[in-house]
Amino acid sequence: MSRFQVKSLFSAHWKGLSQETDGSEPVPDWYARSVLLAGATIAGLAGLFTQAPLGEPSLRLAAFALLTGSLLTVFAQLSSLRLKLTEWFSEEDIGHRVEKNMIDESVAHVLFAAMLSLVAAGVTAVDAAVPALGKYADLVINALLAGVTFSLIYYIVALVVLTLPRLYGAYVAVNDVSRDLNGTVRDNRLKPMKRR
């Protein structure tokens, strides 16, 4: 495998956008895939046609670098949690396979978001390096860069939002959070009783 091949990362990310099944073939989650792809396309077109100013390239470059570092830190934490799950529970312990899958899916999404953040940093560097070519050429280049940047930002933010509930579900299951504080359990004790 080539060191610069990112196909496996993209494949893991895309496979993670599937519905959970009971041991059978995974079913694609077309709703999540559509939200990611259609949203990124709409954001890109909005950036392209509005030619929205992107601000100072050095600030964007710093922001994308910070985001990439933060996502890699999240990956390190997820990797550590996954290692603990592997140590605590044997392969035969099917009961905790769901938590392992949640973490595995989240890792793929986090690493893919980090890669997209690096691409966004690269687009920002190109934006900073392109010299003034004339009024029309500058408008076209700025519009294209705005479209690509808006698409990347949307996709990264959507991936983070998509990953957070999965991480919370894994955290709650692994740490046996009580029903009183568990947001994934519907607690009927808080509803007032109906009188007949």
Protein backbone atom coordinates (compact mmCIF):
# COMPACT_ATOMS: atom_id res chain seq x y z
CA MET A 1 0.00 0.00 0.00
CA SER A 2 1.34 3.40 -0.94
CA ARG A 3 2.01 5.75 1.94
CA PHE A 4 0.09 8.56 0.26
CA GLN A 5 -2.97 6.53 -0.69
CA VAL A 6 -6.05 7.90 1.07
CA LYS A 7 -8.52 5.55 -0.62
CA SER A 8 -8.79 3.34 2.49
CA LEU A 9 -9.60 6.38 4.63
CA PHE A 10 -12.30 7.53 2.22
CA SER A 11 -13.65 3.97 2.01
CA ALA A 12 -13.83 3.62 5.81
CA HIS A 13 -15.56 7.01 6.07
CA TRP A 14 -18.10 6.06 3.39
CA LYS A 15 -18.72 2.60 4.91
CA GLY A 16 -19.32 4.31 8.25
CA LEU A 17 -22.28 6.08 6.67
CA SER A 18 -24.34 2.89 6.78
CA GLN A 19 -27.25 1.70 8.87
CA GLU A 20 -26.59 -0.84 11.58
CA THR A 21 -27.86 -4.32 10.78
CA ASP A 22 -28.14 -7.56 12.71
CA GLY A 23 -25.08 -9.24 11.23
CA SER A 24 -26.30 -9.01 7.63
CA GLU A 25 -24.90 -6.88 4.82
CA PRO A 26 -24.73 -3.17 5.83
CA VAL A 27 -27.38 -0.91 4.32
CA PRO A 28 -26.20 2.52 3.11
CA ASP A 29 -27.56 5.43 5.14
CA TRP A 30 -28.67 7.50 2.18
CA TYR A 31 -30.08 10.23 4.40
CA ALA A 32 -26.69 10.92 6.04
CA ARG A 33 -24.86 10.62 2.74
CA SER A 34 -27.32 13.02 1.09
CA VAL A 35 -27.04 15.56 3.89
CA LEU A 36 -23.25 15.53 3.58
CA LEU A 37 -23.04 15.63 -0.21
CA ALA A 38 -25.99 17.91 -0.96
CA GLY A 39 -25.04 20.29 1.84
CA ALA A 40 -21.44 20.51 0.65
CA THR A 41 -22.65 21.10 -2.92
CA ILE A 42 -25.05 23.84 -1.84
CA ALA A 43 -22.39 25.47 0.33
CA GLY A 44 -19.92 25.32 -2.56
CA LEU A 45 -22.39 26.85 -5.00
CA ALA A 46 -23.23 29.57 -2.46
CA GLY A 47 -19.53 30.43 -2.13
CA LEU A 48 -19.08 30.28 -5.89
CA PHE A 49 -21.99 32.53 -6.83
CA THR A 50 -21.82 34.98 -3.95
CA GLN A 51 -18.03 35.27 -4.23
CA ALA A 52 -18.04 35.76 -0.49
CA PRO A 53 -14.83 37.26 0.84
CA LEU A 54 -12.86 34.64 2.72
CA GLY A 55 -10.85 37.02 4.84
CA GLU A 56 -7.16 36.99 5.54
CA PRO A 57 -5.48 33.78 4.27
CA SER A 58 -3.07 33.66 7.21
CA LEU A 59 -5.98 33.52 9.68
CA ARG A 60 -7.72 30.78 7.72
CA LEU A 61 -4.47 28.84 7.45
CA ALA A 62 -3.96 29.07 11.22
CA ALA A 63 -7.58 28.03 11.84
CA PHE A 64 -7.30 24.98 9.57
CA ALA A 65 -3.98 24.01 11.14
CA LEU A 66 -5.51 24.27 14.61
CA LEU A 67 -8.54 22.26 13.49
CA THR A 68 -6.34 19.54 12.01
CA GLY A 69 -4.31 19.33 15.23
CA SER A 70 -7.48 19.17 17.33
CA LEU A 71 -8.94 16.40 15.18
CA LEU A 72 -5.72 14.39 15.45
CA THR A 73 -5.86 14.81 19.23
CA VAL A 74 -9.43 13.48 19.20
CA PHE A 75 -8.19 10.54 17.13
CA ALA A 76 -5.53 9.79 19.76
CA GLN A 77 -8.15 9.78 22.51
CA LEU A 78 -10.49 7.55 20.49
CA SER A 79 -7.64 5.18 19.75
CA SER A 80 -6.86 4.96 23.46
CA LEU A 81 -10.51 4.27 24.32
CA ARG A 82 -10.74 1.61 21.61
CA LEU A 83 -7.60 -0.06 22.96
CA LYS A 84 -9.14 -0.19 26.43
CA LEU A 85 -12.28 -1.79 25.03
CA THR A 86 -10.17 -4.39 23.26
CA GLU A 87 -8.34 -5.15 26.52
CA TRP A 88 -11.49 -5.26 28.66
CA PHE A 89 -13.69 -7.36 26.40
CA SER A 90 -12.76 -10.46 24.43
CA GLU A 91 -13.65 -11.06 20.79
CA GLU A 92 -16.43 -13.41 21.89
CA ASP A 93 -18.12 -10.65 23.92
CA ILE A 94 -20.71 -9.65 21.33
CA GLY A 95 -22.45 -7.30 23.79
CA HIS A 96 -19.79 -4.60 23.44
CA ARG A 97 -19.36 -4.89 19.67
CA VAL A 98 -21.74 -1.94 19.19
CA GLU A 99 -19.54 0.38 21.26
CA LYS A 100 -16.44 -0.76 19.38
CA ASN A 101 -18.23 -0.12 16.07
CA MET A 102 -19.26 3.37 17.21
CA ILE A 103 -15.68 4.24 18.02
CA ASP A 104 -14.36 2.66 14.81
CA GLU A 105 -16.85 4.68 12.75
CA SER A 106 -16.00 7.87 14.63
CA VAL A 107 -12.27 7.35 14.05
CA ALA A 108 -12.82 7.10 10.29
CA HIS A 109 -14.92 10.29 10.28
CA VAL A 110 -12.47 12.21 12.47
CA LEU A 111 -9.47 11.25 10.34
CA PHE A 112 -11.34 12.06 7.14
CA ALA A 113 -12.28 15.48 8.58
CA ALA A 114 -8.61 16.04 9.47
CA MET A 115 -7.64 15.20 5.89
CA LEU A 116 -10.27 17.63 4.54
CA SER A 117 -8.93 20.27 6.90
CA LEU A 118 -5.48 19.77 5.40
CA VAL A 119 -6.98 20.13 1.92
CA ALA A 120 -8.69 23.35 3.03
CA ALA A 121 -5.33 24.60 4.31
CA GLY A 122 -3.84 23.78 0.92
CA VAL A 123 -6.62 25.70 -0.86
CA THR A 124 -5.93 28.62 1.47
CA ALA A 125 -2.22 28.49 0.66
CA VAL A 126 -3.05 28.55 -3.06
CA ASP A 127 -5.33 31.53 -2.44
CA ALA A 128 -2.49 33.38 -0.72
CA ALA A 129 0.05 32.48 -3.42
CA VAL A 130 -2.00 33.42 -6.50
CA PRO A 131 -0.87 36.81 -7.77
CA ALA A 132 -3.24 39.43 -9.12
CA LEU A 133 -4.00 38.41 -12.71
CA GLY A 134 -6.51 41.05 -13.66
CA LYS A 135 -10.02 41.93 -12.62
CA TYR A 136 -11.91 39.12 -14.41
CA ALA A 137 -9.36 36.40 -13.63
CA ASP A 138 -9.28 37.44 -9.96
CA LEU A 139 -13.07 37.23 -9.75
CA VAL A 140 -13.12 33.73 -11.25
CA ILE A 141 -10.28 32.46 -9.07
CA ASN A 142 -11.78 33.99 -5.90
CA ALA A 143 -15.19 32.51 -6.72
CA LEU A 144 -13.71 29.03 -7.26
CA LEU A 145 -11.65 29.19 -4.09
CA ALA A 146 -14.65 30.44 -2.10
CA GLY A 147 -16.78 27.58 -3.45
CA VAL A 148 -14.21 24.91 -2.62
CA THR A 149 -13.53 26.40 0.82
CA PHE A 150 -17.24 26.63 1.70
CA SER A 151 -17.77 23.01 0.60
CA LEU A 152 -14.87 21.76 2.69
CA ILE A 153 -15.91 23.74 5.76
CA TYR A 154 -19.49 22.47 5.52
CA TYR A 155 -18.38 18.85 5.15
CA ILE A 156 -15.96 19.08 8.08
CA VAL A 157 -18.57 20.68 10.37
CA ALA A 158 -21.22 18.16 9.29
CA LEU A 159 -18.84 15.28 10.03
CA VAL A 160 -18.12 16.62 13.50
CA VAL A 161 -21.86 17.02 14.19
CA LEU A 162 -22.50 13.52 12.83
CA THR A 163 -19.75 12.03 15.01
CA LEU A 164 -20.72 13.61 18.34
CA PRO A 165 -23.86 11.51 19.02
CA ARG A 166 -21.96 8.32 18.13
CA LEU A 167 -19.20 9.23 20.57
CA TYR A 168 -21.74 10.06 23.27
CA GLY A 169 -23.51 6.74 22.73
CA ALA A 170 -20.22 4.85 23.05
CA TYR A 171 -19.27 6.82 26.15
CA VAL A 172 -22.62 6.14 27.82
CA ALA A 173 -22.51 2.43 27.04
CA VAL A 174 -18.89 1.86 28.05
CA ASN A 175 -19.04 3.89 31.26
CA ASP A 176 -22.47 2.65 32.35
CA VAL A 177 -23.88 6.15 32.86
CA SER A 178 -26.90 6.12 35.20
CA ARG A 179 -30.39 6.56 33.79
CA ASP A 180 -30.72 9.86 35.64
CA LEU A 181 -27.89 11.40 33.59
CA ASN A 182 -28.08 9.30 30.44
CA GLY A 183 -29.38 11.31 27.50
CA THR A 184 -29.88 8.24 25.33
CA VAL A 185 -32.47 6.68 27.64
CA ARG A 186 -35.98 8.02 27.68
CA ASP A 187 -37.00 8.38 31.30
CA ASN A 188 -40.77 8.16 31.77
CA ARG A 189 -40.50 8.98 35.47
CA LEU A 190 -40.26 12.68 34.65
CA LYS A 191 -43.66 12.76 32.92
CA PRO A 192 -46.67 13.65 35.04
CA MET A 193 -49.13 10.81 35.51
CA LYS A 194 -52.45 11.05 33.69
CA ARG A 195 -55.48 10.72 35.88
CA ARG A 196 -58.56 8.99 34.58
